[in-house]
Amino acid sequence: VFPLNAAALLETHPDLVPVLSGVVQESVVFAGAASSTWDDPANADEP
């Protein structure tokens, strides 16, 4: 079980940590636009 973008929730609910295998976190350094295409320049590199 890997929840996505759950780090803030786990900070306030640490009892959930032993239930998990790990976490997935997106956009730690760079983000991109929603509902974009692969060649859309807006789909990445937003600090």
ModelCIF file with pLDDT and N, C-alpha, C, O atoms, coordinates in Angstrom:
data_MODEL
#
_entry.id   MODEL 
#
_entity.id                         1 
_entity.type                       polymer 
_entity.pdbx_number_of_molecules   1 
#
_entity_poly.entity_id                      1 
_entity_poly.type                           'polypeptide(L)' 
_entity_poly.nstd_linkage                   no 
_entity_poly.nstd_monomer                   no 
_entity_poly.pdbx_seq_one_letter_code       VFPLNAAALLETHPDLVPVLSGVVQESVVFAGAASSTWDDPANADEP 
_entity_poly.pdbx_seq_one_letter_code_can   VFPLNAAALLETHPDLVPVLSGVVQESVVFAGAASSTWDDPANADEP 
_entity_poly.pdbx_strand_id                 A 
#
loop_
_entity_poly_seq.entity_id 
_entity_poly_seq.num 
_entity_poly_seq.mon_id 
_entity_poly_seq.hetero 
1 1  VAL n 
1 2  PHE n 
1 3  PRO n 
1 4  LEU n 
1 5  ASN n 
1 6  ALA n 
1 7  ALA n 
1 8  ALA n 
1 9  LEU n 
1 10 LEU n 
1 11 GLU n 
1 12 THR n 
1 13 HIS n 
1 14 PRO n 
1 15 ASP n 
1 16 LEU n 
1 17 VAL n 
1 18 PRO n 
1 19 VAL n 
1 20 LEU n 
1 21 SER n 
1 22 GLY n 
1 23 VAL n 
1 24 VAL n 
1 25 GLN n 
1 26 GLU n 
1 27 SER n 
1 28 VAL n 
1 29 VAL n 
1 30 PHE n 
1 31 ALA n 
1 32 GLY n 
1 33 ALA n 
1 34 ALA n 
1 35 SER n 
1 36 SER n 
1 37 THR n 
1 38 TRP n 
1 39 ASP n 
1 40 ASP n 
1 41 PRO n 
1 42 ALA n 
1 43 ASN n 
1 44 ALA n 
1 45 ASP n 
1 46 GLU n 
1 47 PRO n 
#
_struct_asym.id          A 
_struct_asym.entity_id   1 
#
loop_
_ma_qa_metric.id 
_ma_qa_metric.mode 
_ma_qa_metric.name 
_ma_qa_metric.software_group_id 
_ma_qa_metric.type 
1 global pLDDT . pLDDT 
2 local  pLDDT . pLDDT 
#
_ma_qa_metric_global.metric_id      1 
_ma_qa_metric_global.metric_value   96.32 
_ma_qa_metric_global.model_id       1 
_ma_qa_metric_global.ordinal_id     1 
#
loop_
_ma_qa_metric_local.label_asym_id 
_ma_qa_metric_local.label_comp_id 
_ma_qa_metric_local.label_seq_id 
_ma_qa_metric_local.metric_id 
_ma_qa_metric_local.metric_value 
_ma_qa_metric_local.model_id 
_ma_qa_metric_local.ordinal_id 
A VAL 1  2 98.00 1 1  
A PHE 2  2 98.00 1 2  
A PRO 3  2 98.00 1 3  
A LEU 4  2 98.00 1 4  
A ASN 5  2 97.00 1 5  
A ALA 6  2 98.00 1 6  
A ALA 7  2 97.00 1 7  
A ALA 8  2 96.00 1 8  
A LEU 9  2 98.00 1 9  
A LEU 10 2 98.00 1 10 
A GLU 11 2 96.00 1 11 
A THR 12 2 96.00 1 12 
A HIS 13 2 98.00 1 13 
A PRO 14 2 98.00 1 14 
A ASP 15 2 97.00 1 15 
A LEU 16 2 98.00 1 16 
A VAL 17 2 98.00 1 17 
A PRO 18 2 98.00 1 18 
A VAL 19 2 98.00 1 19 
A LEU 20 2 98.00 1 20 
A SER 21 2 98.00 1 21 
A GLY 22 2 98.00 1 22 
A VAL 23 2 98.00 1 23 
A VAL 24 2 98.00 1 24 
A GLN 25 2 98.00 1 25 
A GLU 26 2 97.00 1 26 
A SER 27 2 98.00 1 27 
A VAL 28 2 98.00 1 28 
A VAL 29 2 98.00 1 29 
A PHE 30 2 98.00 1 30 
A ALA 31 2 97.00 1 31 
A GLY 32 2 96.00 1 32 
A ALA 33 2 93.00 1 33 
A ALA 34 2 90.00 1 34 
A SER 35 2 87.00 1 35 
A SER 36 2 89.00 1 36 
A THR 37 2 93.00 1 37 
A TRP 38 2 95.00 1 38 
A ASP 39 2 94.00 1 39 
A ASP 40 2 94.00 1 40 
A PRO 41 2 92.00 1 41 
A ALA 42 2 94.00 1 42 
A ASN 43 2 95.00 1 43 
A ALA 44 2 97.00 1 44 
A ASP 45 2 97.00 1 45 
A GLU 46 2 97.00 1 46 
A PRO 47 2 97.00 1 47 
#
loop_
_atom_site.group_PDB 
_atom_site.id 
_atom_site.type_symbol 
_atom_site.label_atom_id 
_atom_site.label_alt_id 
_atom_site.label_comp_id 
_atom_site.label_asym_id 
_atom_site.label_entity_id 
_atom_site.label_seq_id 
_atom_site.pdbx_PDB_ins_code 
_atom_site.Cartn_x 
_atom_site.Cartn_y 
_atom_site.Cartn_z 
_atom_site.occupancy 
_atom_site.B_iso_or_equiv 
_atom_site.pdbx_formal_charge 
_atom_site.auth_seq_id 
_atom_site.auth_comp_id 
_atom_site.auth_asym_id 
_atom_site.auth_atom_id 
_atom_site.pdbx_PDB_model_num 
ATOM 1   N N  . VAL A 1 1  ? 0.849  -1.197 0.000   1.00 98.00 ? 1  VAL A N  1 
ATOM 2   C CA . VAL A 1 1  ? 0.000  0.000  0.000   1.00 98.00 ? 1  VAL A CA 1 
ATOM 3   C C  . VAL A 1 1  ? 0.879  1.239  0.000   1.00 98.00 ? 1  VAL A C  1 
ATOM 4   O O  . VAL A 1 1  ? 1.682  1.446  0.910   1.00 98.00 ? 1  VAL A O  1 
ATOM 5   N N  . PHE A 1 2  ? 0.719  2.065  -1.034  1.00 98.00 ? 2  PHE A N  1 
ATOM 6   C CA . PHE A 1 2  ? 1.461  3.312  -1.196  1.00 98.00 ? 2  PHE A CA 1 
ATOM 7   C C  . PHE A 1 2  ? 0.474  4.461  -1.401  1.00 98.00 ? 2  PHE A C  1 
ATOM 8   O O  . PHE A 1 2  ? -0.010 4.636  -2.519  1.00 98.00 ? 2  PHE A O  1 
ATOM 9   N N  . PRO A 1 3  ? 0.157  5.245  -0.379  1.00 98.00 ? 3  PRO A N  1 
ATOM 10  C CA . PRO A 1 3  ? -0.673 6.427  -0.614  1.00 98.00 ? 3  PRO A CA 1 
ATOM 11  C C  . PRO A 1 3  ? 0.127  7.526  -1.305  1.00 98.00 ? 3  PRO A C  1 
ATOM 12  O O  . PRO A 1 3  ? 1.326  7.677  -1.071  1.00 98.00 ? 3  PRO A O  1 
ATOM 13  N N  . LEU A 1 4  ? -0.546 8.284  -2.154  1.00 98.00 ? 4  LEU A N  1 
ATOM 14  C CA . LEU A 1 4  ? 0.096  9.376  -2.890  1.00 98.00 ? 4  LEU A CA 1 
ATOM 15  C C  . LEU A 1 4  ? -0.118 10.692 -2.157  1.00 98.00 ? 4  LEU A C  1 
ATOM 16  O O  . LEU A 1 4  ? -1.234 11.024 -1.757  1.00 98.00 ? 4  LEU A O  1 
ATOM 17  N N  . ASN A 1 5  ? 0.969  11.434 -1.990  1.00 97.00 ? 5  ASN A N  1 
ATOM 18  C CA . ASN A 1 5  ? 0.912  12.770 -1.371  1.00 97.00 ? 5  ASN A CA 1 
ATOM 19  C C  . ASN A 1 5  ? 0.291  12.725 0.028   1.00 97.00 ? 5  ASN A C  1 
ATOM 20  O O  . ASN A 1 5  ? -0.535 13.565 0.384   1.00 97.00 ? 5  ASN A O  1 
ATOM 21  N N  . ALA A 1 6  ? 0.701  11.736 0.804   1.00 98.00 ? 6  ALA A N  1 
ATOM 22  C CA . ALA A 1 6  ? 0.112  11.522 2.129   1.00 98.00 ? 6  ALA A CA 1 
ATOM 23  C C  . ALA A 1 6  ? 0.990  11.993 3.273   1.00 98.00 ? 6  ALA A C  1 
ATOM 24  O O  . ALA A 1 6  ? 0.634  11.789 4.433   1.00 98.00 ? 6  ALA A O  1 
ATOM 25  N N  . ALA A 1 7  ? 2.134  12.621 2.985   1.00 97.00 ? 7  ALA A N  1 
ATOM 26  C CA . ALA A 1 7  ? 3.089  12.943 4.051   1.00 97.00 ? 7  ALA A CA 1 
ATOM 27  C C  . ALA A 1 7  ? 2.495  13.865 5.106   1.00 97.00 ? 7  ALA A C  1 
ATOM 28  O O  . ALA A 1 7  ? 2.750  13.687 6.297   1.00 97.00 ? 7  ALA A O  1 
ATOM 29  N N  . ALA A 1 8  ? 1.704  14.851 4.681   1.00 96.00 ? 8  ALA A N  1 
ATOM 30  C CA . ALA A 1 8  ? 1.099  15.767 5.648   1.00 96.00 ? 8  ALA A CA 1 
ATOM 31  C C  . ALA A 1 8  ? 0.092  15.039 6.530   1.00 96.00 ? 8  ALA A C  1 
ATOM 32  O O  . ALA A 1 8  ? 0.031  15.289 7.734   1.00 96.00 ? 8  ALA A O  1 
ATOM 33  N N  . LEU A 1 9  ? -0.694 14.144 5.949   1.00 98.00 ? 9  LEU A N  1 
ATOM 34  C CA . LEU A 1 9  ? -1.659 13.366 6.726   1.00 98.00 ? 9  LEU A CA 1 
ATOM 35  C C  . LEU A 1 9  ? -0.942 12.485 7.742   1.00 98.00 ? 9  LEU A C  1 
ATOM 36  O O  . LEU A 1 9  ? -1.386 12.363 8.883   1.00 98.00 ? 9  LEU A O  1 
ATOM 37  N N  . LEU A 1 10 ? 0.159  11.874 7.333   1.00 98.00 ? 10 LEU A N  1 
ATOM 38  C CA . LEU A 1 10 ? 0.892  10.985 8.231   1.00 98.00 ? 10 LEU A CA 1 
ATOM 39  C C  . LEU A 1 10 ? 1.577  11.738 9.358   1.00 98.00 ? 10 LEU A C  1 
ATOM 40  O O  . LEU A 1 10 ? 1.860  11.167 10.412  1.00 98.00 ? 10 LEU A O  1 
ATOM 41  N N  . GLU A 1 11 ? 1.841  13.010 9.140   1.00 96.00 ? 11 GLU A N  1 
ATOM 42  C CA . GLU A 1 11 ? 2.441  13.826 10.192  1.00 96.00 ? 11 GLU A CA 1 
ATOM 43  C C  . GLU A 1 11 ? 1.481  13.978 11.362  1.00 96.00 ? 11 GLU A C  1 
ATOM 44  O O  . GLU A 1 11 ? 1.913  14.033 12.514  1.00 96.00 ? 11 GLU A O  1 
ATOM 45  N N  . THR A 1 12 ? 0.181  14.046 11.079  1.00 96.00 ? 12 THR A N  1 
ATOM 46  C CA . THR A 1 12 ? -0.831 14.200 12.128  1.00 96.00 ? 12 THR A CA 1 
ATOM 47  C C  . THR A 1 12 ? -1.483 12.869 12.515  1.00 96.00 ? 12 THR A C  1 
ATOM 48  O O  . THR A 1 12 ? -2.189 12.790 13.520  1.00 96.00 ? 12 THR A O  1 
ATOM 49  N N  . HIS A 1 13 ? -1.244 11.824 11.713  1.00 98.00 ? 13 HIS A N  1 
ATOM 50  C CA . HIS A 1 13 ? -1.796 10.493 12.007  1.00 98.00 ? 13 HIS A CA 1 
ATOM 51  C C  . HIS A 1 13 ? -0.675 9.454  11.907  1.00 98.00 ? 13 HIS A C  1 
ATOM 52  O O  . HIS A 1 13 ? -0.720 8.573  11.048  1.00 98.00 ? 13 HIS A O  1 
ATOM 53  N N  . PRO A 1 14 ? 0.322  9.555  12.777  1.00 98.00 ? 14 PRO A N  1 
ATOM 54  C CA . PRO A 1 14 ? 1.481  8.644  12.697  1.00 98.00 ? 14 PRO A CA 1 
ATOM 55  C C  . PRO A 1 14 ? 1.122  7.191  12.948  1.00 98.00 ? 14 PRO A C  1 
ATOM 56  O O  . PRO A 1 14 ? 1.889  6.301  12.581  1.00 98.00 ? 14 PRO A O  1 
ATOM 57  N N  . ASP A 1 15 ? -0.026 6.927  13.565  1.00 97.00 ? 15 ASP A N  1 
ATOM 58  C CA . ASP A 1 15 ? -0.439 5.545  13.807  1.00 97.00 ? 15 ASP A CA 1 
ATOM 59  C C  . ASP A 1 15 ? -0.715 4.802  12.504  1.00 97.00 ? 15 ASP A C  1 
ATOM 60  O O  . ASP A 1 15 ? -0.793 3.574  12.502  1.00 97.00 ? 15 ASP A O  1 
ATOM 61  N N  . LEU A 1 16 ? -0.866 5.537  11.383  1.00 98.00 ? 16 LEU A N  1 
ATOM 62  C CA . LEU A 1 16 ? -1.113 4.911  10.093  1.00 98.00 ? 16 LEU A CA 1 
ATOM 63  C C  . LEU A 1 16 ? 0.177  4.384  9.456   1.00 98.00 ? 16 LEU A C  1 
ATOM 64  O O  . LEU A 1 16 ? 0.128  3.514  8.587   1.00 98.00 ? 16 LEU A O  1 
ATOM 65  N N  . VAL A 1 17 ? 1.320  4.906  9.884   1.00 98.00 ? 17 VAL A N  1 
ATOM 66  C CA . VAL A 1 17 ? 2.601  4.565  9.254   1.00 98.00 ? 17 VAL A CA 1 
ATOM 67  C C  . VAL A 1 17 ? 2.855  3.054  9.216   1.00 98.00 ? 17 VAL A C  1 
ATOM 68  O O  . VAL A 1 17 ? 3.248  2.552  8.163   1.00 98.00 ? 17 VAL A O  1 
ATOM 69  N N  . PRO A 1 18 ? 2.652  2.303  10.305  1.00 98.00 ? 18 PRO A N  1 
ATOM 70  C CA . PRO A 1 18 ? 2.950  0.869  10.259  1.00 98.00 ? 18 PRO A CA 1 
ATOM 71  C C  . PRO A 1 18 ? 2.088  0.087  9.266   1.00 98.00 ? 18 PRO A C  1 
ATOM 72  O O  . PRO A 1 18 ? 2.430  -1.036 8.896   1.00 98.00 ? 18 PRO A O  1 
ATOM 73  N N  . VAL A 1 19 ? 0.987  0.671  8.841   1.00 98.00 ? 19 VAL A N  1 
ATOM 74  C CA . VAL A 1 19 ? 0.096  0.001  7.888   1.00 98.00 ? 19 VAL A CA 1 
ATOM 75  C C  . VAL A 1 19 ? 0.663  0.044  6.473   1.00 98.00 ? 19 VAL A C  1 
ATOM 76  O O  . VAL A 1 19 ? 0.297  -0.778 5.633   1.00 98.00 ? 19 VAL A O  1 
ATOM 77  N N  . LEU A 1 20 ? 1.550  0.995  6.204   1.00 98.00 ? 20 LEU A N  1 
ATOM 78  C CA . LEU A 1 20 ? 1.978  1.304  4.845   1.00 98.00 ? 20 LEU A CA 1 
ATOM 79  C C  . LEU A 1 20 ? 3.275  0.607  4.455   1.00 98.00 ? 20 LEU A C  1 
ATOM 80  O O  . LEU A 1 20 ? 4.099  0.259  5.301   1.00 98.00 ? 20 LEU A O  1 
ATOM 81  N N  . SER A 1 21 ? 3.428  0.413  3.146   1.00 98.00 ? 21 SER A N  1 
ATOM 82  C CA . SER A 1 21 ? 4.678  -0.111 2.587   1.00 98.00 ? 21 SER A CA 1 
ATOM 83  C C  . SER A 1 21 ? 5.623  1.034  2.248   1.00 98.00 ? 21 SER A C  1 
ATOM 84  O O  . SER A 1 21 ? 6.843  0.878  2.292   1.00 98.00 ? 21 SER A O  1 
ATOM 85  N N  . GLY A 1 22 ? 5.061  2.167  1.914   1.00 98.00 ? 22 GLY A N  1 
ATOM 86  C CA . GLY A 1 22 ? 5.823  3.351  1.559   1.00 98.00 ? 22 GLY A CA 1 
ATOM 87  C C  . GLY A 1 22 ? 4.864  4.451  1.170   1.00 98.00 ? 22 GLY A C  1 
ATOM 88  O O  . GLY A 1 22 ? 3.651  4.307  1.319   1.00 98.00 ? 22 GLY A O  1 
ATOM 89  N N  . VAL A 1 23 ? 5.399  5.548  0.672   1.00 98.00 ? 23 VAL A N  1 
ATOM 90  C CA . VAL A 1 23 ? 4.567  6.640  0.176   1.00 98.00 ? 23 VAL A CA 1 
ATOM 91  C C  . VAL A 1 23 ? 5.127  7.112  -1.160  1.00 98.00 ? 23 VAL A C  1 
ATOM 92  O O  . VAL A 1 23 ? 6.318  6.981  -1.440  1.00 98.00 ? 23 VAL A O  1 
ATOM 93  N N  . VAL A 1 24 ? 4.235  7.664  -1.973  1.00 98.00 ? 24 VAL A N  1 
ATOM 94  C CA . VAL A 1 24 ? 4.633  8.305  -3.216  1.00 98.00 ? 24 VAL A CA 1 
ATOM 95  C C  . VAL A 1 24 ? 4.365  9.793  -3.065  1.00 98.00 ? 24 VAL A C  1 
ATOM 96  O O  . VAL A 1 24 ? 3.274  10.191 -2.656  1.00 98.00 ? 24 VAL A O  1 
ATOM 97  N N  . GLN A 1 25 ? 5.347  10.610 -3.390  1.00 98.00 ? 25 GLN A N  1 
ATOM 98  C CA . GLN A 1 25 ? 5.176  12.061 -3.314  1.00 98.00 ? 25 GLN A CA 1 
ATOM 99  C C  . GLN A 1 25 ? 5.509  12.671 -4.662  1.00 98.00 ? 25 GLN A C  1 
ATOM 100 O O  . GLN A 1 25 ? 6.604  12.477 -5.190  1.00 98.00 ? 25 GLN A O  1 
ATOM 101 N N  . GLU A 1 26 ? 4.558  13.410 -5.215  1.00 97.00 ? 26 GLU A N  1 
ATOM 102 C CA . GLU A 1 26 ? 4.831  14.075 -6.478  1.00 97.00 ? 26 GLU A CA 1 
ATOM 103 C C  . GLU A 1 26 ? 5.181  15.537 -6.254  1.00 97.00 ? 26 GLU A C  1 
ATOM 104 O O  . GLU A 1 26 ? 4.831  16.138 -5.238  1.00 97.00 ? 26 GLU A O  1 
ATOM 105 N N  . SER A 1 27 ? 5.883  16.090 -7.238  1.00 98.00 ? 27 SER A N  1 
ATOM 106 C CA . SER A 1 27 ? 6.207  17.519 -7.267  1.00 98.00 ? 27 SER A CA 1 
ATOM 107 C C  . SER A 1 27 ? 6.959  17.973 -6.025  1.00 98.00 ? 27 SER A C  1 
ATOM 108 O O  . SER A 1 27 ? 6.563  18.940 -5.374  1.00 98.00 ? 27 SER A O  1 
ATOM 109 N N  . VAL A 1 28 ? 8.020  17.292 -5.703  1.00 98.00 ? 28 VAL A N  1 
ATOM 110 C CA . VAL A 1 28 ? 8.877  17.726 -4.604  1.00 98.00 ? 28 VAL A CA 1 
ATOM 111 C C  . VAL A 1 28 ? 9.659  18.971 -5.011  1.00 98.00 ? 28 VAL A C  1 
ATOM 112 O O  . VAL A 1 28 ? 9.850  19.886 -4.210  1.00 98.00 ? 28 VAL A O  1 
ATOM 113 N N  . VAL A 1 29 ? 10.109 18.996 -6.259  1.00 98.00 ? 29 VAL A N  1 
ATOM 114 C CA . VAL A 1 29 ? 10.912 20.113 -6.759  1.00 98.00 ? 29 VAL A CA 1 
ATOM 115 C C  . VAL A 1 29 ? 10.241 20.807 -7.951  1.00 98.00 ? 29 VAL A C  1 
ATOM 116 O O  . VAL A 1 29 ? 10.295 22.030 -8.078  1.00 98.00 ? 29 VAL A O  1 
ATOM 117 N N  . PHE A 1 30 ? 9.596  19.994 -8.837  1.00 98.00 ? 30 PHE A N  1 
ATOM 118 C CA . PHE A 1 30 ? 8.987  20.564 -10.036 1.00 98.00 ? 30 PHE A CA 1 
ATOM 119 C C  . PHE A 1 30 ? 7.604  19.960 -10.268 1.00 98.00 ? 30 PHE A C  1 
ATOM 120 O O  . PHE A 1 30 ? 7.384  18.770 -10.041 1.00 98.00 ? 30 PHE A O  1 
ATOM 121 N N  . ALA A 1 31 ? 6.676  20.804 -10.725 1.00 97.00 ? 31 ALA A N  1 
ATOM 122 C CA . ALA A 1 31 ? 5.303  20.398 -11.009 1.00 97.00 ? 31 ALA A CA 1 
ATOM 123 C C  . ALA A 1 31 ? 4.997  20.623 -12.483 1.00 97.00 ? 31 ALA A C  1 
ATOM 124 O O  . ALA A 1 31 ? 5.816  21.160 -13.228 1.00 97.00 ? 31 ALA A O  1 
ATOM 125 N N  . GLY A 1 32 ? 3.792  20.198 -12.893 1.00 96.00 ? 32 GLY A N  1 
ATOM 126 C CA . GLY A 1 32 ? 3.318  20.422 -14.256 1.00 96.00 ? 32 GLY A CA 1 
ATOM 127 C C  . GLY A 1 32 ? 1.820  20.607 -14.265 1.00 96.00 ? 32 GLY A C  1 
ATOM 128 O O  . GLY A 1 32 ? 1.159  20.338 -13.262 1.00 96.00 ? 32 GLY A O  1 
ATOM 129 N N  . ALA A 1 33 ? 1.272  21.061 -15.374 1.00 93.00 ? 33 ALA A N  1 
ATOM 130 C CA . ALA A 1 33 ? -0.147 21.362 -15.485 1.00 93.00 ? 33 ALA A CA 1 
ATOM 131 C C  . ALA A 1 33 ? -0.988 20.096 -15.579 1.00 93.00 ? 33 ALA A C  1 
ATOM 132 O O  . ALA A 1 33 ? -0.527 19.065 -16.069 1.00 93.00 ? 33 ALA A O  1 
ATOM 133 N N  . ALA A 1 34 ? -2.232 20.186 -15.103 1.00 90.00 ? 34 ALA A N  1 
ATOM 134 C CA . ALA A 1 34 ? -3.179 19.081 -15.186 1.00 90.00 ? 34 ALA A CA 1 
ATOM 135 C C  . ALA A 1 34 ? -3.711 18.937 -16.610 1.00 90.00 ? 34 ALA A C  1 
ATOM 136 O O  . ALA A 1 34 ? -3.694 19.888 -17.391 1.00 90.00 ? 34 ALA A O  1 
ATOM 137 N N  . SER A 1 35 ? -4.189 17.722 -16.938 1.00 87.00 ? 35 SER A N  1 
ATOM 138 C CA . SER A 1 35 ? -4.852 17.437 -18.221 1.00 87.00 ? 35 SER A CA 1 
ATOM 139 C C  . SER A 1 35 ? -4.074 17.991 -19.414 1.00 87.00 ? 35 SER A C  1 
ATOM 140 O O  . SER A 1 35 ? -4.656 18.600 -20.312 1.00 87.00 ? 35 SER A O  1 
ATOM 141 N N  . SER A 1 36 ? -2.775 17.781 -19.420 1.00 89.00 ? 36 SER A N  1 
ATOM 142 C CA . SER A 1 36 ? -1.937 18.244 -20.521 1.00 89.00 ? 36 SER A CA 1 
ATOM 143 C C  . SER A 1 36 ? -1.566 17.059 -21.417 1.00 89.00 ? 36 SER A C  1 
ATOM 144 O O  . SER A 1 36 ? -1.874 15.909 -21.102 1.00 89.00 ? 36 SER A O  1 
ATOM 145 N N  . THR A 1 37 ? -0.908 17.351 -22.524 1.00 93.00 ? 37 THR A N  1 
ATOM 146 C CA . THR A 1 37 ? -0.409 16.310 -23.414 1.00 93.00 ? 37 THR A CA 1 
ATOM 147 C C  . THR A 1 37 ? 1.101  16.183 -23.236 1.00 93.00 ? 37 THR A C  1 
ATOM 148 O O  . THR A 1 37 ? 1.739  17.027 -22.607 1.00 93.00 ? 37 THR A O  1 
ATOM 149 N N  . TRP A 1 38 ? 1.667  15.100 -23.808 1.00 95.00 ? 38 TRP A N  1 
ATOM 150 C CA . TRP A 1 38 ? 3.088  14.835 -23.619 1.00 95.00 ? 38 TRP A CA 1 
ATOM 151 C C  . TRP A 1 38 ? 3.963  15.956 -24.176 1.00 95.00 ? 38 TRP A C  1 
ATOM 152 O O  . TRP A 1 38 ? 5.024  16.250 -23.624 1.00 95.00 ? 38 TRP A O  1 
ATOM 153 N N  . ASP A 1 39 ? 3.527  16.572 -25.252 1.00 94.00 ? 39 ASP A N  1 
ATOM 154 C CA . ASP A 1 39 ? 4.326  17.621 -25.896 1.00 94.00 ? 39 ASP A CA 1 
ATOM 155 C C  . ASP A 1 39 ? 3.970  19.033 -25.438 1.00 94.00 ? 39 ASP A C  1 
ATOM 156 O O  . ASP A 1 39 ? 4.517  20.004 -25.962 1.00 94.00 ? 39 ASP A O  1 
ATOM 157 N N  . ASP A 1 40 ? 3.079  19.161 -24.487 1.00 94.00 ? 40 ASP A N  1 
ATOM 158 C CA . ASP A 1 40 ? 2.688  20.462 -23.966 1.00 94.00 ? 40 ASP A CA 1 
ATOM 159 C C  . ASP A 1 40 ? 3.801  20.988 -23.054 1.00 94.00 ? 40 ASP A C  1 
ATOM 160 O O  . ASP A 1 40 ? 4.149  20.324 -22.077 1.00 94.00 ? 40 ASP A O  1 
ATOM 161 N N  . PRO A 1 41 ? 4.363  22.157 -23.348 1.00 92.00 ? 41 PRO A N  1 
ATOM 162 C CA . PRO A 1 41 ? 5.451  22.676 -22.500 1.00 92.00 ? 41 PRO A CA 1 
ATOM 163 C C  . PRO A 1 41 ? 5.027  22.986 -21.074 1.00 92.00 ? 41 PRO A C  1 
ATOM 164 O O  . PRO A 1 41 ? 5.873  23.187 -20.203 1.00 92.00 ? 41 PRO A O  1 
ATOM 165 N N  . ALA A 1 42 ? 3.703  23.028 -20.829 1.00 94.00 ? 42 ALA A N  1 
ATOM 166 C CA . ALA A 1 42 ? 3.224  23.314 -19.474 1.00 94.00 ? 42 ALA A CA 1 
ATOM 167 C C  . ALA A 1 42 ? 3.212  22.080 -18.584 1.00 94.00 ? 42 ALA A C  1 
ATOM 168 O O  . ALA A 1 42 ? 2.863  22.174 -17.408 1.00 94.00 ? 42 ALA A O  1 
ATOM 169 N N  . ASN A 1 43 ? 3.593  20.909 -19.131 1.00 95.00 ? 43 ASN A N  1 
ATOM 170 C CA . ASN A 1 43 ? 3.430  19.679 -18.360 1.00 95.00 ? 43 ASN A CA 1 
ATOM 171 C C  . ASN A 1 43 ? 4.595  19.379 -17.408 1.00 95.00 ? 43 ASN A C  1 
ATOM 172 O O  . ASN A 1 43 ? 4.651  18.299 -16.819 1.00 95.00 ? 43 ASN A O  1 
ATOM 173 N N  . ALA A 1 44 ? 5.519  20.325 -17.258 1.00 97.00 ? 44 ALA A N  1 
ATOM 174 C CA . ALA A 1 44 ? 6.680  20.086 -16.391 1.00 97.00 ? 44 ALA A CA 1 
ATOM 175 C C  . ALA A 1 44 ? 7.428  21.390 -16.135 1.00 97.00 ? 44 ALA A C  1 
ATOM 176 O O  . ALA A 1 44 ? 7.100  22.439 -16.691 1.00 97.00 ? 44 ALA A O  1 
ATOM 177 N N  . ASP A 1 45 ? 8.455  21.291 -15.267 1.00 97.00 ? 45 ASP A N  1 
ATOM 178 C CA . ASP A 1 45 ? 9.438  22.361 -15.038 1.00 97.00 ? 45 ASP A CA 1 
ATOM 179 C C  . ASP A 1 45 ? 8.888  23.588 -14.315 1.00 97.00 ? 45 ASP A C  1 
ATOM 180 O O  . ASP A 1 45 ? 9.490  24.660 -14.379 1.00 97.00 ? 45 ASP A O  1 
ATOM 181 N N  . GLU A 1 46 ? 7.758  23.448 -13.632 1.00 97.00 ? 46 GLU A N  1 
ATOM 182 C CA . GLU A 1 46 ? 7.246  24.554 -12.809 1.00 97.00 ? 46 GLU A CA 1 
ATOM 183 C C  . GLU A 1 46 ? 7.838  24.415 -11.405 1.00 97.00 ? 46 GLU A C  1 
ATOM 184 O O  . GLU A 1 46 ? 7.510  23.457 -10.705 1.00 97.00 ? 46 GLU A O  1 
ATOM 185 N N  . PRO A 1 47 ? 8.693  25.334 -10.975 1.00 97.00 ? 47 PRO A N  1 
ATOM 186 C CA . PRO A 1 47 ? 9.366  25.182 -9.680  1.00 97.00 ? 47 PRO A CA 1 
ATOM 187 C C  . PRO A 1 47 ? 8.378  25.211 -8.510  1.00 97.00 ? 47 PRO A C  1 
ATOM 188 O O  . PRO A 1 47 ? 8.786  25.095 -7.354  1.00 97.00 ? 47 PRO A O  1 
#
